[in-house]
PDB file of all heavy atoms in Angstrom:
ATOM      1  N   VAL A   1      -0.553 -58.205  73.402  1.00  0.00           N
ATOM      2  CA  VAL A   1      -1.110 -58.557  72.086  1.00  0.00           C
ATOM      3  C   VAL A   1      -0.141 -59.367  71.247  1.00  0.00           C
ATOM      4  O   VAL A   1      -0.542 -60.116  70.366  1.00  0.00           O
ATOM      5  CB  VAL A   1      -1.563 -57.237  71.240  1.00  0.00           C
ATOM      6  CG1 VAL A   1      -2.717 -56.575  71.935  1.00  0.00           C
ATOM      7  CG2 VAL A   1      -0.235 -56.314  71.096  1.00  0.00           C
ATOM      8  N   TRP A   2       1.126 -59.198  71.605  1.00  0.00           N
ATOM      9  CA  TRP A   2       2.124 -59.967  70.825  1.00  0.00           C
ATOM     10  C   TRP A   2       2.094 -61.494  71.100  1.00  0.00           C
ATOM     11  O   TRP A   2       2.773 -62.219  70.328  1.00  0.00           O
ATOM     12  CB  TRP A   2       3.630 -59.418  71.195  1.00  0.00           C
ATOM     13  CG  TRP A   2       3.855 -59.442  72.662  1.00  0.00           C
ATOM     14  CD1 TRP A   2       4.425 -60.392  73.380  1.00  0.00           C
ATOM     15  CD2 TRP A   2       3.554 -58.362  73.636  1.00  0.00           C
ATOM     16  NE1 TRP A   2       4.466 -60.071  74.776  1.00  0.00           N
ATOM     17  CE2 TRP A   2       3.947 -58.740  74.878  1.00  0.00           C
ATOM     18  CE3 TRP A   2       2.986 -57.053  73.432  1.00  0.00           C
ATOM     19  CZ2 TRP A   2       3.883 -57.934  76.000  1.00  0.00           C
ATOM     20  CZ3 TRP A   2       2.879 -56.305  74.628  1.00  0.00           C
ATOM     21  CH2 TRP A   2       3.269 -56.730  75.870  1.00  0.00           C
ATOM     22  N   THR A   3       1.314 -61.882  72.120  1.00  0.00           N
ATOM     23  CA  THR A   3       1.255 -63.347  72.411  1.00  0.00           C
ATOM     24  C   THR A   3       0.180 -63.995  71.540  1.00  0.00           C
ATOM     25  O   THR A   3      -0.034 -65.169  71.637  1.00  0.00           O
ATOM     26  CB  THR A   3       1.056 -63.560  73.872  1.00  0.00           C
ATOM     27  OG1 THR A   3      -0.250 -62.964  74.216  1.00  0.00           O
ATOM     28  CG2 THR A   3       2.094 -62.947  74.720  1.00  0.00           C
ATOM     29  N   GLY A   4      -0.625 -63.159  70.845  1.00  0.00           N
ATOM     30  CA  GLY A   4      -1.826 -63.688  70.111  1.00  0.00           C
ATOM     31  C   GLY A   4      -3.067 -63.531  70.775  1.00  0.00           C
ATOM     32  O   GLY A   4      -3.141 -63.366  72.086  1.00  0.00           O
ATOM     33  N   GLY A   5      -4.110 -63.635  70.054  1.00  0.00           N
ATOM     34  CA  GLY A   5      -5.526 -63.493  70.549  1.00  0.00           C
ATOM     35  C   GLY A   5      -6.153 -62.232  70.326  1.00  0.00           C
ATOM     36  O   GLY A   5      -5.883 -61.254  71.197  1.00  0.00           O
ATOM     37  N   MET A   6      -6.910 -62.045  69.314  1.00  0.00           N
ATOM     38  CA  MET A   6      -7.666 -60.852  68.996  1.00  0.00           C
ATOM     39  C   MET A   6      -9.050 -61.249  68.597  1.00  0.00           C
ATOM     40  O   MET A   6      -9.293 -62.318  67.898  1.00  0.00           O
ATOM     41  CB  MET A   6      -6.985 -60.086  67.772  1.00  0.00           C
ATOM     42  CG  MET A   6      -5.585 -59.580  68.127  1.00  0.00           C
ATOM     43  SD  MET A   6      -5.607 -58.211  69.221  1.00  0.00           S
ATOM     44  CE  MET A   6      -6.148 -56.809  68.052  1.00  0.00           C
ATOM     45  N   SER A   7     -10.046 -60.423  68.983  1.00  0.00           N
ATOM     46  CA  SER A   7     -11.455 -60.786  68.579  1.00  0.00           C
ATOM     47  C   SER A   7     -12.007 -59.637  67.636  1.00  0.00           C
ATOM     48  O   SER A   7     -11.878 -58.424  67.866  1.00  0.00           O
ATOM     49  CB  SER A   7     -12.310 -60.675  69.892  1.00  0.00           C
ATOM     50  OG  SER A   7     -13.741 -60.518  69.623  1.00  0.00           O
ATOM     51  N   PHE A   8     -12.487 -60.130  66.578  1.00  0.00           N
ATOM     52  CA  PHE A   8     -13.110 -59.143  65.608  1.00  0.00           C
ATOM     53  C   PHE A   8     -14.172 -58.307  66.273  1.00  0.00           C
ATOM     54  O   PHE A   8     -14.283 -57.118  66.077  1.00  0.00           O
ATOM     55  CB  PHE A   8     -13.665 -59.834  64.284  1.00  0.00           C
ATOM     56  CG  PHE A   8     -14.544 -58.792  63.511  1.00  0.00           C
ATOM     57  CD1 PHE A   8     -13.973 -57.884  62.726  1.00  0.00           C
ATOM     58  CD2 PHE A   8     -15.914 -58.947  63.727  1.00  0.00           C
ATOM     59  CE1 PHE A   8     -14.816 -57.061  62.069  1.00  0.00           C
ATOM     60  CE2 PHE A   8     -16.724 -58.001  63.157  1.00  0.00           C
ATOM     61  CZ  PHE A   8     -16.161 -57.035  62.207  1.00  0.00           C
ATOM     62  N   HIS A   9     -15.059 -59.047  66.983  1.00  0.00           N
ATOM     63  CA  HIS A   9     -16.201 -58.353  67.578  1.00  0.00           C
ATOM     64  C   HIS A   9     -15.772 -57.304  68.562  1.00  0.00           C
ATOM     65  O   HIS A   9     -16.391 -56.222  68.683  1.00  0.00           O
ATOM     66  CB  HIS A   9     -17.171 -59.403  68.133  1.00  0.00           C
ATOM     67  CG  HIS A   9     -17.752 -60.240  67.198  1.00  0.00           C
ATOM     68  ND1 HIS A   9     -17.113 -61.529  66.846  1.00  0.00           N
ATOM     69  CD2 HIS A   9     -18.844 -60.235  66.415  1.00  0.00           C
ATOM     70  CE1 HIS A   9     -17.927 -62.090  65.998  1.00  0.00           C
ATOM     71  NE2 HIS A   9     -18.979 -61.282  65.702  1.00  0.00           N
ATOM     72  N   GLY A  10     -14.700 -57.603  69.340  1.00  0.00           N
ATOM     73  CA  GLY A  10     -14.076 -56.635  70.153  1.00  0.00           C
ATOM     74  C   GLY A  10     -13.530 -55.468  69.443  1.00  0.00           C
ATOM     75  O   GLY A  10     -13.649 -54.269  69.797  1.00  0.00           O
ATOM     76  N   GLY A  11     -12.781 -55.768  68.295  1.00  0.00           N
ATOM     77  CA  GLY A  11     -12.296 -54.654  67.510  1.00  0.00           C
ATOM     78  C   GLY A  11     -13.348 -53.860  66.812  1.00  0.00           C
ATOM     79  O   GLY A  11     -13.134 -52.595  66.751  1.00  0.00           O
ATOM     80  N   PHE A  12     -14.452 -54.466  66.507  1.00  0.00           N
ATOM     81  CA  PHE A  12     -15.608 -53.728  65.935  1.00  0.00           C
ATOM     82  C   PHE A  12     -16.095 -52.760  67.040  1.00  0.00           C
ATOM     83  O   PHE A  12     -16.356 -51.600  66.652  1.00  0.00           O
ATOM     84  CB  PHE A  12     -16.657 -54.725  65.575  1.00  0.00           C
ATOM     85  CG  PHE A  12     -17.960 -54.172  65.063  1.00  0.00           C
ATOM     86  CD1 PHE A  12     -18.029 -53.591  63.713  1.00  0.00           C
ATOM     87  CD2 PHE A  12     -19.070 -54.057  65.790  1.00  0.00           C
ATOM     88  CE1 PHE A  12     -19.169 -53.064  63.241  1.00  0.00           C
ATOM     89  CE2 PHE A  12     -20.209 -53.412  65.347  1.00  0.00           C
ATOM     90  CZ  PHE A  12     -20.308 -52.908  64.116  1.00  0.00           C
ATOM     91  N   ALA A  13     -16.310 -53.248  68.208  1.00  0.00           N
ATOM     92  CA  ALA A  13     -16.800 -52.344  69.295  1.00  0.00           C
ATOM     93  C   ALA A  13     -15.804 -51.247  69.548  1.00  0.00           C
ATOM     94  O   ALA A  13     -16.224 -49.985  69.743  1.00  0.00           O
ATOM     95  CB  ALA A  13     -17.050 -53.130  70.589  1.00  0.00           C
ATOM     96  N   GLY A  14     -14.523 -51.526  69.558  1.00  0.00           N
ATOM     97  CA  GLY A  14     -13.481 -50.462  69.791  1.00  0.00           C
ATOM     98  C   GLY A  14     -13.554 -49.417  68.718  1.00  0.00           C
ATOM     99  O   GLY A  14     -13.404 -48.227  68.913  1.00  0.00           O
ATOM    100  N   THR A  15     -13.739 -49.840  67.426  1.00  0.00           N
ATOM    101  CA  THR A  15     -13.866 -48.929  66.301  1.00  0.00           C
ATOM    102  C   THR A  15     -15.091 -48.139  66.381  1.00  0.00           C
ATOM    103  O   THR A  15     -15.095 -46.894  65.998  1.00  0.00           O
ATOM    104  CB  THR A  15     -13.851 -49.689  64.980  1.00  0.00           C
ATOM    105  OG1 THR A  15     -12.660 -50.509  64.897  1.00  0.00           O
ATOM    106  CG2 THR A  15     -13.742 -48.762  63.759  1.00  0.00           C
ATOM    107  N   VAL A  16     -16.177 -48.704  66.786  1.00  0.00           N
ATOM    108  CA  VAL A  16     -17.490 -47.879  66.991  1.00  0.00           C
ATOM    109  C   VAL A  16     -17.210 -46.751  67.892  1.00  0.00           C
ATOM    110  O   VAL A  16     -17.625 -45.615  67.748  1.00  0.00           O
ATOM    111  CB  VAL A  16     -18.594 -48.858  67.405  1.00  0.00           C
ATOM    112  CG1 VAL A  16     -19.832 -48.025  67.929  1.00  0.00           C
ATOM    113  CG2 VAL A  16     -19.057 -49.728  66.253  1.00  0.00           C
ATOM    114  N   ILE A  17     -16.654 -47.024  69.137  1.00  0.00           N
ATOM    115  CA  ILE A  17     -16.403 -46.069  70.031  1.00  0.00           C
ATOM    116  C   ILE A  17     -15.426 -44.955  69.543  1.00  0.00           C
ATOM    117  O   ILE A  17     -15.681 -43.790  69.643  1.00  0.00           O
ATOM    118  CB  ILE A  17     -15.690 -46.591  71.283  1.00  0.00           C
ATOM    119  CG1 ILE A  17     -16.715 -47.528  71.985  1.00  0.00           C
ATOM    120  CG2 ILE A  17     -15.248 -45.569  72.272  1.00  0.00           C
ATOM    121  CD1 ILE A  17     -16.115 -48.374  73.073  1.00  0.00           C
ATOM    122  N   ALA A  18     -14.363 -45.317  68.830  1.00  0.00           N
ATOM    123  CA  ALA A  18     -13.369 -44.349  68.145  1.00  0.00           C
ATOM    124  C   ALA A  18     -14.132 -43.487  67.201  1.00  0.00           C
ATOM    125  O   ALA A  18     -13.844 -42.264  67.131  1.00  0.00           O
ATOM    126  CB  ALA A  18     -12.280 -45.062  67.565  1.00  0.00           C
ATOM    127  N   ILE A  19     -15.046 -44.063  66.396  1.00  0.00           N
ATOM    128  CA  ILE A  19     -15.855 -43.255  65.387  1.00  0.00           C
ATOM    129  C   ILE A  19     -16.707 -42.259  66.084  1.00  0.00           C
ATOM    130  O   ILE A  19     -16.728 -41.059  65.669  1.00  0.00           O
ATOM    131  CB  ILE A  19     -16.587 -44.232  64.522  1.00  0.00           C
ATOM    132  CG1 ILE A  19     -15.633 -44.860  63.487  1.00  0.00           C
ATOM    133  CG2 ILE A  19     -17.674 -43.411  63.667  1.00  0.00           C
ATOM    134  CD1 ILE A  19     -16.371 -45.974  62.654  1.00  0.00           C
ATOM    135  N   PHE A  20     -17.449 -42.659  67.139  1.00  0.00           N
ATOM    136  CA  PHE A  20     -18.286 -41.734  67.929  1.00  0.00           C
ATOM    137  C   PHE A  20     -17.425 -40.591  68.405  1.00  0.00           C
ATOM    138  O   PHE A  20     -17.806 -39.395  68.285  1.00  0.00           O
ATOM    139  CB  PHE A  20     -19.036 -42.466  68.948  1.00  0.00           C
ATOM    140  CG  PHE A  20     -20.313 -43.052  68.552  1.00  0.00           C
ATOM    141  CD1 PHE A  20     -20.569 -44.411  68.596  1.00  0.00           C
ATOM    142  CD2 PHE A  20     -21.431 -42.198  68.219  1.00  0.00           C
ATOM    143  CE1 PHE A  20     -21.724 -44.929  68.217  1.00  0.00           C
ATOM    144  CE2 PHE A  20     -22.684 -42.748  67.935  1.00  0.00           C
ATOM    145  CZ  PHE A  20     -22.783 -44.060  67.899  1.00  0.00           C
ATOM    146  N   LEU A  21     -16.351 -40.924  68.997  1.00  0.00           N
ATOM    147  CA  LEU A  21     -15.522 -39.847  69.715  1.00  0.00           C
ATOM    148  C   LEU A  21     -14.885 -38.892  68.625  1.00  0.00           C
ATOM    149  O   LEU A  21     -14.989 -37.691  68.830  1.00  0.00           O
ATOM    150  CB  LEU A  21     -14.472 -40.458  70.564  1.00  0.00           C
ATOM    151  CG  LEU A  21     -14.835 -41.311  71.805  1.00  0.00           C
ATOM    152  CD1 LEU A  21     -13.636 -41.934  72.431  1.00  0.00           C
ATOM    153  CD2 LEU A  21     -15.569 -40.398  72.780  1.00  0.00           C
ATOM    154  N   PHE A  22     -14.449 -39.403  67.637  1.00  0.00           N
ATOM    155  CA  PHE A  22     -13.739 -38.638  66.511  1.00  0.00           C
ATOM    156  C   PHE A  22     -14.878 -37.754  65.843  1.00  0.00           C
ATOM    157  O   PHE A  22     -14.606 -36.577  65.592  1.00  0.00           O
ATOM    158  CB  PHE A  22     -13.058 -39.515  65.528  1.00  0.00           C
ATOM    159  CG  PHE A  22     -12.230 -38.748  64.514  1.00  0.00           C
ATOM    160  CD1 PHE A  22     -11.007 -38.309  64.848  1.00  0.00           C
ATOM    161  CD2 PHE A  22     -12.765 -38.380  63.262  1.00  0.00           C
ATOM    162  CE1 PHE A  22     -10.296 -37.527  63.892  1.00  0.00           C
ATOM    163  CE2 PHE A  22     -12.061 -37.730  62.330  1.00  0.00           C
ATOM    164  CZ  PHE A  22     -10.875 -37.240  62.625  1.00  0.00           C
ATOM    165  N   ALA A  23     -16.054 -38.289  65.484  1.00  0.00           N
ATOM    166  CA  ALA A  23     -17.064 -37.529  64.901  1.00  0.00           C
ATOM    167  C   ALA A  23     -17.544 -36.443  65.707  1.00  0.00           C
ATOM    168  O   ALA A  23     -17.790 -35.345  65.260  1.00  0.00           O
ATOM    169  CB  ALA A  23     -18.181 -38.499  64.452  1.00  0.00           C
ATOM    170  N   TRP A  24     -17.668 -36.660  66.997  1.00  0.00           N
ATOM    171  CA  TRP A  24     -18.104 -35.760  67.931  1.00  0.00           C
ATOM    172  C   TRP A  24     -17.077 -34.520  68.037  1.00  0.00           C
ATOM    173  O   TRP A  24     -17.304 -33.364  68.010  1.00  0.00           O
ATOM    174  CB  TRP A  24     -18.331 -36.330  69.301  1.00  0.00           C
ATOM    175  CG  TRP A  24     -18.566 -35.287  70.411  1.00  0.00           C
ATOM    176  CD1 TRP A  24     -19.674 -34.499  70.632  1.00  0.00           C
ATOM    177  CD2 TRP A  24     -17.519 -34.910  71.431  1.00  0.00           C
ATOM    178  NE1 TRP A  24     -19.495 -33.682  71.728  1.00  0.00           N
ATOM    179  CE2 TRP A  24     -18.280 -33.914  72.153  1.00  0.00           C
ATOM    180  CE3 TRP A  24     -16.305 -35.364  71.708  1.00  0.00           C
ATOM    181  CZ2 TRP A  24     -17.463 -33.357  73.264  1.00  0.00           C
ATOM    182  CZ3 TRP A  24     -15.550 -34.683  72.808  1.00  0.00           C
ATOM    183  CH2 TRP A  24     -16.262 -33.775  73.615  1.00  0.00           C
ATOM    184  N   ARG A  25     -15.752 -34.973  68.115  1.00  0.00           N
ATOM    185  CA  ARG A  25     -14.661 -33.915  68.270  1.00  0.00           C
ATOM    186  C   ARG A  25     -14.615 -33.040  67.009  1.00  0.00           C
ATOM    187  O   ARG A  25     -14.334 -31.910  67.152  1.00  0.00           O
ATOM    188  CB  ARG A  25     -13.428 -34.690  68.485  1.00  0.00           C
ATOM    189  CG  ARG A  25     -12.240 -33.816  68.770  1.00  0.00           C
ATOM    190  CD  ARG A  25     -11.008 -34.605  69.078  1.00  0.00           C
ATOM    191  NE  ARG A  25      -9.792 -33.719  69.313  1.00  0.00           N
ATOM    192  CZ  ARG A  25      -9.451 -33.191  70.558  1.00  0.00           C
ATOM    193  NH1 ARG A  25     -10.256 -33.585  71.558  1.00  0.00           N
ATOM    194  NH2 ARG A  25      -8.408 -32.519  70.630  1.00  0.00           N
ATOM    195  N   ARG A  26     -14.802 -33.672  65.777  1.00  0.00           N
ATOM    196  CA  ARG A  26     -14.649 -32.893  64.547  1.00  0.00           C
ATOM    197  C   ARG A  26     -16.018 -32.272  64.085  1.00  0.00           C
ATOM    198  O   ARG A  26     -15.952 -31.597  63.057  1.00  0.00           O
ATOM    199  CB  ARG A  26     -14.033 -33.814  63.568  1.00  0.00           C
ATOM    200  CG  ARG A  26     -12.563 -34.178  63.746  1.00  0.00           C
ATOM    201  CD  ARG A  26     -11.605 -32.907  63.630  1.00  0.00           C
ATOM    202  NE  ARG A  26     -10.293 -33.298  63.906  1.00  0.00           N
ATOM    203  CZ  ARG A  26      -9.453 -33.584  62.999  1.00  0.00           C
ATOM    204  NH1 ARG A  26      -9.765 -33.666  61.711  1.00  0.00           N
ATOM    205  NH2 ARG A  26      -8.188 -33.862  63.393  1.00  0.00           N
ATOM    206  N   GLY A  27     -17.104 -32.640  64.624  1.00  0.00           N
ATOM    207  CA  GLY A  27     -18.366 -32.102  64.227  1.00  0.00           C
ATOM    208  C   GLY A  27     -18.788 -32.829  62.852  1.00  0.00           C
ATOM    209  O   GLY A  27     -19.445 -32.271  61.998  1.00  0.00           O
ATOM    210  N   LEU A  28     -18.403 -34.132  62.696  1.00  0.00           N
ATOM    211  CA  LEU A  28     -18.785 -34.809  61.424  1.00  0.00           C
ATOM    212  C   LEU A  28     -19.996 -35.774  61.690  1.00  0.00           C
ATOM    213  O   LEU A  28     -20.355 -36.050  62.787  1.00  0.00           O
ATOM    214  CB  LEU A  28     -17.518 -35.753  61.093  1.00  0.00           C
ATOM    215  CG  LEU A  28     -16.259 -35.076  60.850  1.00  0.00           C
ATOM    216  CD1 LEU A  28     -15.087 -36.027  60.722  1.00  0.00           C
ATOM    217  CD2 LEU A  28     -16.287 -34.226  59.637  1.00  0.00           C
ATOM    218  N   SER A  29     -20.546 -36.178  60.575  1.00  0.00           N
ATOM    219  CA  SER A  29     -21.671 -37.130  60.603  1.00  0.00           C
ATOM    220  C   SER A  29     -21.178 -38.440  61.038  1.00  0.00           C
ATOM    221  O   SER A  29     -20.288 -39.058  60.360  1.00  0.00           O
ATOM    222  CB  SER A  29     -22.336 -37.146  59.205  1.00  0.00           C
ATOM    223  OG  SER A  29     -23.172 -38.356  59.169  1.00  0.00           O
ATOM    224  N   VAL A  30     -21.590 -38.957  62.151  1.00  0.00           N
ATOM    225  CA  VAL A  30     -21.129 -40.202  62.639  1.00  0.00           C
ATOM    226  C   VAL A  30     -21.537 -41.402  61.694  1.00  0.00           C
ATOM    227  O   VAL A  30     -20.822 -42.338  61.487  1.00  0.00           O
ATOM    228  CB  VAL A  30     -21.613 -40.532  64.022  1.00  0.00           C
ATOM    229  CG1 VAL A  30     -23.154 -40.714  64.033  1.00  0.00           C
ATOM    230  CG2 VAL A  30     -20.973 -41.699  64.743  1.00  0.00           C
ATOM    231  N   TRP A  31     -22.645 -41.228  61.157  1.00  0.00           N
ATOM    232  CA  TRP A  31     -23.215 -42.293  60.134  1.00  0.00           C
ATOM    233  C   TRP A  31     -22.431 -42.384  58.933  1.00  0.00           C
ATOM    234  O   TRP A  31     -22.076 -43.429  58.308  1.00  0.00           O
ATOM    235  CB  TRP A  31     -24.652 -42.151  59.880  1.00  0.00           C
ATOM    236  CG  TRP A  31     -25.481 -42.233  61.104  1.00  0.00           C
ATOM    237  CD1 TRP A  31     -26.278 -41.302  61.684  1.00  0.00           C
ATOM    238  CD2 TRP A  31     -25.694 -43.405  61.920  1.00  0.00           C
ATOM    239  NE1 TRP A  31     -26.869 -41.791  62.782  1.00  0.00           N
ATOM    240  CE2 TRP A  31     -26.547 -43.124  62.930  1.00  0.00           C
ATOM    241  CE3 TRP A  31     -25.116 -44.757  61.843  1.00  0.00           C
ATOM    242  CZ2 TRP A  31     -26.900 -44.081  63.943  1.00  0.00           C
ATOM    243  CZ3 TRP A  31     -25.501 -45.579  62.859  1.00  0.00           C
ATOM    244  CH2 TRP A  31     -26.299 -45.258  63.880  1.00  0.00           C
ATOM    245  N   THR A  32     -21.982 -41.208  58.362  1.00  0.00           N
ATOM    246  CA  THR A  32     -21.178 -41.199  57.223  1.00  0.00           C
ATOM    247  C   THR A  32     -19.845 -41.748  57.427  1.00  0.00           C
ATOM    248  O   THR A  32     -19.259 -42.548  56.659  1.00  0.00           O
ATOM    249  CB  THR A  32     -20.965 -39.723  56.654  1.00  0.00           C
ATOM    250  OG1 THR A  32     -22.284 -39.231  56.270  1.00  0.00           O
ATOM    251  CG2 THR A  32     -20.045 -39.703  55.502  1.00  0.00           C
ATOM    252  N   LEU A  33     -19.236 -41.509  58.632  1.00  0.00           N
ATOM    253  CA  LEU A  33     -18.004 -42.177  59.034  1.00  0.00           C
ATOM    254  C   LEU A  33     -18.093 -43.658  59.195  1.00  0.00           C
ATOM    255  O   LEU A  33     -17.179 -44.381  58.906  1.00  0.00           O
ATOM    256  CB  LEU A  33     -17.433 -41.409  60.282  1.00  0.00           C
ATOM    257  CG  LEU A  33     -15.888 -41.613  60.629  1.00  0.00           C
ATOM    258  CD1 LEU A  33     -15.068 -41.109  59.404  1.00  0.00           C
ATOM    259  CD2 LEU A  33     -15.568 -40.765  61.871  1.00  0.00           C
ATOM    260  N   PHE A  34     -19.244 -44.032  59.746  1.00  0.00           N
ATOM    261  CA  PHE A  34     -19.473 -45.533  59.895  1.00  0.00           C
ATOM    262  C   PHE A  34     -19.577 -46.082  58.480  1.00  0.00           C
ATOM    263  O   PHE A  34     -19.035 -47.256  58.257  1.00  0.00           O
ATOM    264  CB  PHE A  34     -20.793 -45.738  60.615  1.00  0.00           C
ATOM    265  CG  PHE A  34     -20.632 -45.790  62.041  1.00  0.00           C
ATOM    266  CD1 PHE A  34     -21.623 -45.138  62.906  1.00  0.00           C
ATOM    267  CD2 PHE A  34     -19.691 -46.563  62.739  1.00  0.00           C
ATOM    268  CE1 PHE A  34     -21.492 -45.134  64.245  1.00  0.00           C
ATOM    269  CE2 PHE A  34     -19.593 -46.569  64.091  1.00  0.00           C
ATOM    270  CZ  PHE A  34     -20.480 -45.865  64.927  1.00  0.00           C
ATOM    271  N   ASP A  35     -20.200 -45.449  57.511  1.00  0.00           N
ATOM    272  CA  ASP A  35     -20.333 -46.005  56.191  1.00  0.00           C
ATOM    273  C   ASP A  35     -18.848 -46.161  55.567  1.00  0.00           C
ATOM    274  O   ASP A  35     -18.662 -47.230  54.917  1.00  0.00           O
ATOM    275  CB  ASP A  35     -21.114 -45.112  55.323  1.00  0.00           C
ATOM    276  CG  ASP A  35     -22.620 -45.157  55.643  1.00  0.00           C
ATOM    277  OD1 ASP A  35     -23.059 -46.128  56.297  1.00  0.00           O
ATOM    278  OD2 ASP A  35     -23.394 -44.244  55.170  1.00  0.00           O
ATOM    279  N   LEU A  36     -18.131 -45.105  55.640  1.00  0.00           N
ATOM    280  CA  LEU A  36     -16.695 -45.237  55.070  1.00  0.00           C
ATOM    281  C   LEU A  36     -15.944 -46.287  55.761  1.00  0.00           C
ATOM    282  O   LEU A  36     -15.217 -47.075  55.031  1.00  0.00           O
ATOM    283  CB  LEU A  36     -16.025 -43.834  55.316  1.00  0.00           C
ATOM    284  CG  LEU A  36     -16.426 -42.710  54.500  1.00  0.00           C
ATOM    285  CD1 LEU A  36     -16.027 -41.379  55.027  1.00  0.00           C
ATOM    286  CD2 LEU A  36     -16.255 -42.897  53.010  1.00  0.00           C
ATOM    287  N   ALA A  37     -16.015 -46.404  57.061  1.00  0.00           N
ATOM    288  CA  ALA A  37     -15.258 -47.514  57.782  1.00  0.00           C
ATOM    289  C   ALA A  37     -15.756 -48.877  57.327  1.00  0.00           C
ATOM    290  O   ALA A  37     -14.984 -49.838  57.150  1.00  0.00           O
ATOM    291  CB  ALA A  37     -15.364 -47.355  59.272  1.00  0.00           C
ATOM    292  N   GLY A  38     -17.080 -49.005  57.184  1.00  0.00           N
ATOM    293  CA  GLY A  38     -17.668 -50.321  56.723  1.00  0.00           C
ATOM    294  C   GLY A  38     -17.259 -50.698  55.292  1.00  0.00           C
ATOM    295  O   GLY A  38     -17.037 -51.918  55.094  1.00  0.00           O
TER     296      GLY A  38
END
């Protein structure tokens, strides 16, 4: 990553996956967490 080159859409997909996993692990509303992140 230090050489440059990042994609927003890839970062968006990565964040979606992170939200799903974290919400499932903590028993949180995935949609509320999506709203906060958005």
